[in-house]
Protein backbone atom coordinates (compact mmCIF):
# COMPACT_ATOMS: atom_id res chain seq x y z
CA UNK A 1 180.38 151.04 136.61
CA UNK A 2 181.67 154.34 135.29
CA UNK A 3 181.41 157.07 137.87
CA UNK A 4 182.23 160.76 137.32
CA UNK A 5 183.59 162.94 140.10
CA UNK A 6 183.08 166.61 139.25
CA UNK A 7 185.04 167.77 142.29
CA UNK A 8 184.75 171.58 142.89
CA UNK A 9 183.78 172.41 139.31
CA UNK A 10 180.72 173.71 137.52
CA UNK A 11 178.26 176.28 138.71
CA UNK A 12 174.72 174.99 139.28
CA UNK A 13 173.68 176.16 135.84
CA UNK A 14 176.72 174.57 134.16
CA UNK A 15 176.10 171.35 136.09
CA UNK A 16 172.48 171.24 134.95
CA UNK A 17 173.57 171.77 131.38
CA UNK A 18 176.13 168.92 131.59
CA UNK A 19 173.64 166.57 133.27
CA UNK A 20 171.07 167.42 130.60
CA UNK A 21 173.50 166.58 127.85
CA UNK A 22 174.39 163.30 129.47
CA UNK A 23 170.71 162.43 129.97
CA UNK A 24 169.98 162.99 126.31
CA UNK A 25 172.90 160.76 125.24
CA UNK A 26 173.30 158.05 127.83
CA UNK A 27 170.07 156.16 127.23
CA UNK A 28 170.85 152.47 127.41
CA UNK A 29 174.36 152.06 128.86
CA UNK A 30 175.96 148.62 129.23
CA UNK A 31 177.17 149.49 132.72
CA UNK A 32 176.05 151.46 135.76
CA UNK A 33 176.63 155.18 135.32
CA UNK A 34 177.01 157.56 138.28
CA UNK A 35 177.91 161.26 138.45
CA UNK A 36 179.23 162.79 141.65
CA UNK A 37 178.28 166.47 141.90
CA UNK A 38 178.95 169.26 144.43
CA UNK A 39 176.35 169.43 147.21
CA UNK A 40 174.52 172.42 145.78
CA UNK A 41 173.80 170.49 142.60
CA UNK A 42 172.47 167.33 144.19
CA UNK A 43 168.73 168.02 144.51
CA UNK A 44 168.38 169.65 141.14
CA UNK A 45 170.47 167.07 139.20
CA UNK A 46 168.87 164.11 141.00
CA UNK A 47 165.41 165.37 140.01
CA UNK A 48 166.58 165.97 136.47
CA UNK A 49 167.95 162.43 136.16
CA UNK A 50 165.31 160.48 138.11
CA UNK A 51 163.86 158.89 134.98
CA UNK A 52 167.35 158.27 133.53
CA UNK A 53 169.73 155.32 133.88
CA UNK A 54 172.24 157.83 135.32
CA UNK A 55 172.51 157.77 139.15
CA UNK A 56 173.76 160.61 141.31
CA UNK A 57 176.40 160.65 144.05
CA UNK A 58 177.49 163.19 146.63
CA UNK A 59 181.25 163.79 146.75
CA UNK A 60 181.30 163.51 150.57
CA UNK A 61 179.14 163.44 153.70
CA UNK A 62 179.65 164.33 157.35
CA UNK A 63 180.75 161.92 160.03
CA UNK A 64 178.01 163.19 162.38
CA UNK A 65 174.30 162.58 162.33
CA UNK A 66 173.23 166.19 162.82
CA UNK A 67 173.82 169.16 165.06
CA UNK A 68 176.04 172.26 165.44
CA UNK A 69 178.46 171.51 162.62
CA UNK A 70 178.27 174.61 160.45
CA UNK A 71 178.90 173.98 156.81
CA UNK A 72 178.61 170.19 157.01
CA UNK A 73 176.19 168.05 155.08
CA UNK A 74 174.83 164.87 156.70
CA UNK A 75 174.21 161.52 154.99
CA UNK A 76 170.48 161.99 155.72
CA UNK A 77 170.57 165.33 153.90
CA UNK A 78 172.32 163.72 150.93
CA UNK A 79 169.73 160.92 150.80
CA UNK A 80 166.89 163.39 150.94
CA UNK A 81 167.96 164.92 147.60
CA UNK A 82 167.45 161.63 145.75
CA UNK A 83 171.16 160.86 145.46
CA UNK A 84 171.89 157.13 145.74
CA UNK A 85 175.68 157.06 146.13
CA UNK A 86 178.30 158.85 148.16
CA UNK A 87 182.03 159.09 147.33
CA UNK A 88 184.04 158.63 150.55
CA UNK A 89 187.76 158.44 151.36
CA UNK A 90 188.94 160.34 148.23
CA UNK A 91 192.63 161.04 148.41
CA UNK A 92 191.96 164.78 148.31
CA UNK A 93 189.72 164.54 151.34
CA UNK A 94 192.37 162.48 153.16
CA UNK A 95 195.18 164.87 152.24
CA UNK A 96 193.60 168.33 152.43
CA UNK A 97 191.01 167.75 155.17
CA UNK A 98 192.89 165.18 157.26
CA UNK A 99 190.20 162.51 157.15
CA UNK A 100 191.42 159.58 159.21
CA UNK A 101 190.44 155.93 158.92
CA UNK A 102 188.26 156.43 162.03
CA UNK A 103 186.42 159.40 160.52
CA UNK A 104 185.86 157.49 157.30
CA UNK A 105 184.54 154.49 159.18
CA UNK A 106 181.86 156.71 160.70
CA UNK A 107 181.00 158.25 157.33
CA UNK A 108 180.62 154.83 155.68
CA UNK A 109 178.34 153.61 158.48
CA UNK A 110 176.15 156.77 158.33
CA UNK A 111 175.94 156.50 154.52
CA UNK A 112 174.79 152.89 154.79
CA UNK A 113 172.28 153.74 157.55
CA UNK A 114 170.73 156.24 155.17
CA UNK A 115 170.57 153.80 152.29
CA UNK A 116 173.41 155.42 150.36
CA UNK A 117 175.89 153.29 148.51
CA UNK A 118 179.48 154.30 149.32
CA UNK A 119 182.08 154.49 146.56
CA UNK A 120 185.06 154.06 148.86
CA UNK A 121 188.46 155.25 147.62
CA UNK A 122 191.83 153.71 148.53
CA UNK A 123 195.32 154.18 147.14
CA UNK A 124 198.93 155.05 147.78
CA UNK A 125 200.94 158.26 147.27
CA UNK A 126 204.04 158.41 145.09
CA UNK A 127 206.54 157.91 147.95
CA UNK A 128 204.72 154.77 149.07
CA UNK A 129 204.66 153.36 145.53
CA UNK A 130 208.40 154.07 145.16
CA UNK A 131 209.07 152.38 148.50
CA UNK A 132 207.18 149.31 147.32
CA UNK A 133 204.70 149.40 150.19
CA UNK A 134 201.52 150.14 148.21
CA UNK A 135 199.96 146.80 149.16
CA UNK A 136 200.43 147.45 152.89
CA UNK A 137 198.96 150.96 152.52
CA UNK A 138 195.84 149.76 150.70
CA UNK A 139 195.35 146.89 153.13
CA UNK A 140 195.54 149.26 156.11
CA UNK A 141 192.99 151.60 154.48
CA UNK A 142 190.54 148.75 154.02
CA UNK A 143 191.06 147.36 157.53
CA UNK A 144 190.79 150.82 159.10
CA UNK A 145 187.53 151.89 157.52
CA UNK A 146 185.45 149.18 155.86
CA UNK A 147 186.51 145.68 156.90
CA UNK A 148 184.43 146.15 160.01
CA UNK A 149 181.28 145.81 157.87
CA UNK A 150 179.11 142.73 157.74
CA UNK A 151 178.83 140.83 154.44
CA UNK A 152 175.34 142.22 154.04
CA UNK A 153 176.61 145.81 154.41
CA UNK A 154 179.57 145.08 152.13
CA UNK A 155 177.18 144.24 149.29
CA UNK A 156 176.50 147.99 149.01
CA UNK A 157 180.17 149.00 148.76
CA UNK A 158 181.96 149.92 145.58
CA UNK A 159 185.73 150.31 145.82
CA UNK A 160 187.81 152.77 143.78
CA UNK A 161 191.59 152.23 143.62
CA UNK A 162 193.16 155.57 142.99
CA UNK A 163 197.00 155.71 142.85
CA UNK A 164 197.39 159.20 144.24
CA UNK A 165 200.50 159.81 142.10
CA UNK A 166 198.30 159.45 139.02
CA UNK A 167 195.52 161.90 139.92
CA UNK A 168 195.62 165.12 137.93
CA UNK A 169 199.30 164.57 137.17
CA UNK A 170 198.92 163.23 133.65
CA UNK A 171 200.47 159.95 134.90
CA UNK A 172 198.40 156.82 134.74
CA UNK A 173 199.07 153.39 136.21
CA UNK A 174 199.85 150.97 133.43
CA UNK A 175 197.20 148.38 132.76
CA UNK A 176 199.50 145.81 134.36
CA UNK A 177 199.90 147.96 137.50
CA UNK A 178 196.17 148.52 137.72
CA UNK A 179 195.38 144.84 137.26
CA UNK A 180 198.01 143.82 139.82
CA UNK A 181 196.57 146.06 142.50
CA UNK A 182 192.94 145.26 141.71
CA UNK A 183 193.68 141.55 141.89
CA UNK A 184 195.42 142.09 145.26
CA UNK A 185 192.42 144.07 146.59
CA UNK A 186 190.05 141.34 145.43
CA UNK A 187 192.20 138.76 147.23
CA UNK A 188 191.93 140.76 150.48
CA UNK A 189 188.12 140.83 150.12
CA UNK A 190 188.11 137.07 149.47
CA UNK A 191 190.11 136.48 152.66
CA UNK A 192 187.65 138.58 154.62
CA UNK A 193 184.34 137.74 153.10
CA UNK A 194 184.85 134.83 150.77
CA UNK A 195 185.48 134.35 147.07
CA UNK A 196 181.87 134.87 145.93
CA UNK A 197 181.61 138.27 147.72
CA UNK A 198 185.01 139.22 146.28
CA UNK A 199 183.97 138.28 142.76
CA UNK A 200 180.78 140.31 143.15
CA UNK A 201 182.55 143.47 144.40
CA UNK A 202 182.94 146.27 141.88
CA UNK A 203 186.47 147.70 141.96
CA UNK A 204 186.95 150.85 139.89
CA UNK A 205 190.19 152.40 138.71
CA UNK A 206 190.67 156.13 139.36
CA UNK A 207 193.73 158.01 138.32
CA UNK A 208 193.90 160.04 135.10
CA UNK A 209 191.58 157.59 133.31
CA UNK A 210 190.43 159.25 130.15
CA UNK A 211 188.81 158.66 126.77
CA UNK A 212 192.11 157.48 125.28
CA UNK A 213 193.19 154.91 127.87
CA UNK A 214 189.87 153.74 129.32
CA UNK A 215 189.35 150.76 127.01
CA UNK A 216 192.86 149.38 127.74
CA UNK A 217 192.46 149.77 131.50
CA UNK A 218 188.92 148.26 131.48
CA UNK A 219 190.13 145.24 129.53
CA UNK A 220 191.77 143.90 132.71
CA UNK A 221 189.73 141.14 134.34
CA UNK A 222 189.76 142.80 137.82
CA UNK A 223 189.12 146.39 136.68
CA UNK A 224 185.35 146.79 136.74
CA UNK A 225 185.19 150.39 135.52
CA UNK A 226 186.46 153.78 136.48
CA UNK A 227 186.09 156.71 138.82
CA UNK A 228 186.64 159.62 136.40
CA UNK A 229 187.77 163.09 137.38
CA UNK A 230 188.55 165.75 134.77
CA UNK A 231 187.27 163.67 131.83
CA UNK A 232 183.83 163.54 133.46
CA UNK A 233 183.45 167.33 133.00
CA UNK A 234 183.12 167.07 129.22
CA UNK A 235 180.18 165.04 127.97
CA UNK A 236 181.83 163.60 124.83
CA UNK A 237 184.83 162.31 126.79
CA UNK A 238 182.69 160.85 129.59
CA UNK A 239 180.42 159.18 127.07
CA UNK A 240 183.42 157.60 125.32
CA UNK A 241 184.58 156.18 128.62
CA UNK A 242 181.14 154.76 129.35
CA UNK A 243 181.14 153.07 125.95
CA UNK A 244 184.57 151.63 126.69
CA UNK A 245 183.12 149.71 129.65
């Protein structure tokens, strides 16, 4: 899978133009292709892409079913737009909006209840990497939010490893660093759900993955694609990354 995360970029009109360009170009991809758009784009872009191989994701959803939560968007609302995926646990949501493992557990469950497929993000910050405790951090994130799922529920989960120190910094984990962590994550899944489930789980790399380094990163046996930030905002770059998978 190659998934784009537009973050807080593109007006509705600009988003429609980008989605239209991608629809015209991405006709028969060799991997799953998903674009994560701001909430206001979802219904329009999902309708635009409904006859396309490109799927649509929300960048977040609420941890409540419905009610007096002004400004929030529920999983049911996301699903009603035609979106099929939901990005959850992104490091920016954890850092800026203080999303805890408990909050994320609720979001994942609500997404699944509404037939959305979570793209669940995990990863360590620079200080944790420098202290050599990245494995413990990632393990705790999995145990705190998604290892409560049944094997049947887990089949709808995509993981995205995002070393926080490599997001928007220009730094990128080396292919060896990415492979090492992805292999560790897969080993944790195997311990929890068995080797077959672990082998079937898609684990994406996210962290300054771009048109120049995608092929080298994707060549690793445990890197199943990418969660792409800035490079997903330019159709030629995003298409190059899709072709690298």
